[in-house]
Amino acid sequence: MDETTRITLRLPVDLHEWLVAQARSARRSLNSEIVYRLEAERAAEADGESR
């Protein structure tokens, strides 16, 4: 990731708490967890389109 952009993100409290717990268990920051999950979803979507 060469360039980054800052955004403000509003999440439901329960989703935020879940993401924080997932990040902790994976020993990642919350930001890294969100990026990881978005990139995984993008890759899965790309794989589905190429089939």
C-alpha atoms as a PDB file:
ATOM      1  CA  MET A   1       0.000   0.000   0.000  1.00  0.00           C
ATOM      2  CA  ASP A   2       1.934   3.011  -1.279  1.00  0.00           C
ATOM      3  CA  GLU A   3      -0.625   5.710  -0.622  1.00  0.00           C
ATOM      4  CA  THR A   4      -3.248   6.080   2.063  1.00  0.00           C
ATOM      5  CA  THR A   5      -6.337   8.183   2.638  1.00  0.00           C
ATOM      6  CA  ARG A   6      -7.928   9.163   5.924  1.00  0.00           C
ATOM      7  CA  ILE A   7     -11.667   8.690   6.349  1.00  0.00           C
ATOM      8  CA  THR A   8     -14.181   9.124   9.134  1.00  0.00           C
ATOM      9  CA  LEU A   9     -16.151   5.950   9.640  1.00  0.00           C
ATOM     10  CA  ARG A  10     -19.335   5.588  11.654  1.00  0.00           C
ATOM     11  CA  LEU A  11     -20.037   2.074  12.902  1.00  0.00           C
ATOM     12  CA  PRO A  12     -22.717   0.605  15.117  1.00  0.00           C
ATOM     13  CA  VAL A  13     -21.293   0.107  18.618  1.00  0.00           C
ATOM     14  CA  ASP A  14     -21.684  -3.673  18.500  1.00  0.00           C
ATOM     15  CA  LEU A  15     -19.826  -3.915  15.178  1.00  0.00           C
ATOM     16  CA  HIS A  16     -17.026  -1.728  16.510  1.00  0.00           C
ATOM     17  CA  GLU A  17     -16.698  -3.896  19.626  1.00  0.00           C
ATOM     18  CA  TRP A  18     -16.614  -7.044  17.490  1.00  0.00           C
ATOM     19  CA  LEU A  19     -13.933  -5.603  15.192  1.00  0.00           C
ATOM     20  CA  VAL A  20     -11.832  -4.533  18.187  1.00  0.00           C
ATOM     21  CA  ALA A  21     -12.062  -8.077  19.608  1.00  0.00           C
ATOM     22  CA  GLN A  22     -11.119  -9.599  16.246  1.00  0.00           C
ATOM     23  CA  ALA A  23      -8.167  -7.231  15.917  1.00  0.00           C
ATOM     24  CA  ARG A  24      -6.938  -8.076  19.413  1.00  0.00           C
ATOM     25  CA  SER A  25      -7.133 -11.812  18.796  1.00  0.00           C
ATOM     26  CA  ALA A  26      -5.192 -11.398  15.539  1.00  0.00           C
ATOM     27  CA  ARG A  27      -2.721  -9.002  17.231  1.00  0.00           C
ATOM     28  CA  ARG A  28      -3.516  -6.244  14.747  1.00  0.00           C
ATOM     29  CA  SER A  29      -4.576  -2.639  15.167  1.00  0.00           C
ATOM     30  CA  LEU A  30      -8.204  -1.828  14.484  1.00  0.00           C
ATOM     31  CA  ASN A  31      -7.158  -0.027  11.317  1.00  0.00           C
ATOM     32  CA  SER A  32      -5.125  -3.035  10.131  1.00  0.00           C
ATOM     33  CA  GLU A  33      -8.034  -5.365  10.882  1.00  0.00           C
ATOM     34  CA  ILE A  34     -10.443  -3.292   8.806  1.00  0.00           C
ATOM     35  CA  VAL A  35      -7.959  -3.064   5.917  1.00  0.00           C
ATOM     36  CA  TYR A  36      -7.260  -6.823   6.150  1.00  0.00           C
ATOM     37  CA  ARG A  37     -10.962  -7.686   5.987  1.00  0.00           C
ATOM     38  CA  LEU A  38     -11.694  -5.287   3.143  1.00  0.00           C
ATOM     39  CA  GLU A  39      -8.759  -6.600   1.105  1.00  0.00           C
ATOM     40  CA  ALA A  40      -9.843 -10.206   1.744  1.00  0.00           C
ATOM     41  CA  GLU A  41     -13.375  -9.389   0.590  1.00  0.00           C
ATOM     42  CA  ARG A  42     -12.060  -7.622  -2.504  1.00  0.00           C
ATOM     43  CA  ALA A  43      -9.881 -10.649  -3.363  1.00  0.00           C
ATOM     44  CA  ALA A  44     -12.799 -13.049  -2.824  1.00  0.00           C
ATOM     45  CA  GLU A  45     -15.008 -10.924  -5.045  1.00  0.00           C
ATOM     46  CA  ALA A  46     -12.336 -10.814  -7.760  1.00  0.00           C
ATOM     47  CA  ASP A  47     -11.971 -14.613  -7.584  1.00  0.00           C
ATOM     48  CA  GLY A  48     -15.723 -15.012  -7.932  1.00  0.00           C
ATOM     49  CA  GLU A  49     -15.813 -12.757 -10.982  1.00  0.00           C
ATOM     50  CA  SER A  50     -12.990 -14.640 -12.713  1.00  0.00           C
ATOM     51  CA  ARG A  51     -14.741 -18.010 -12.524  1.00  0.00           C
END
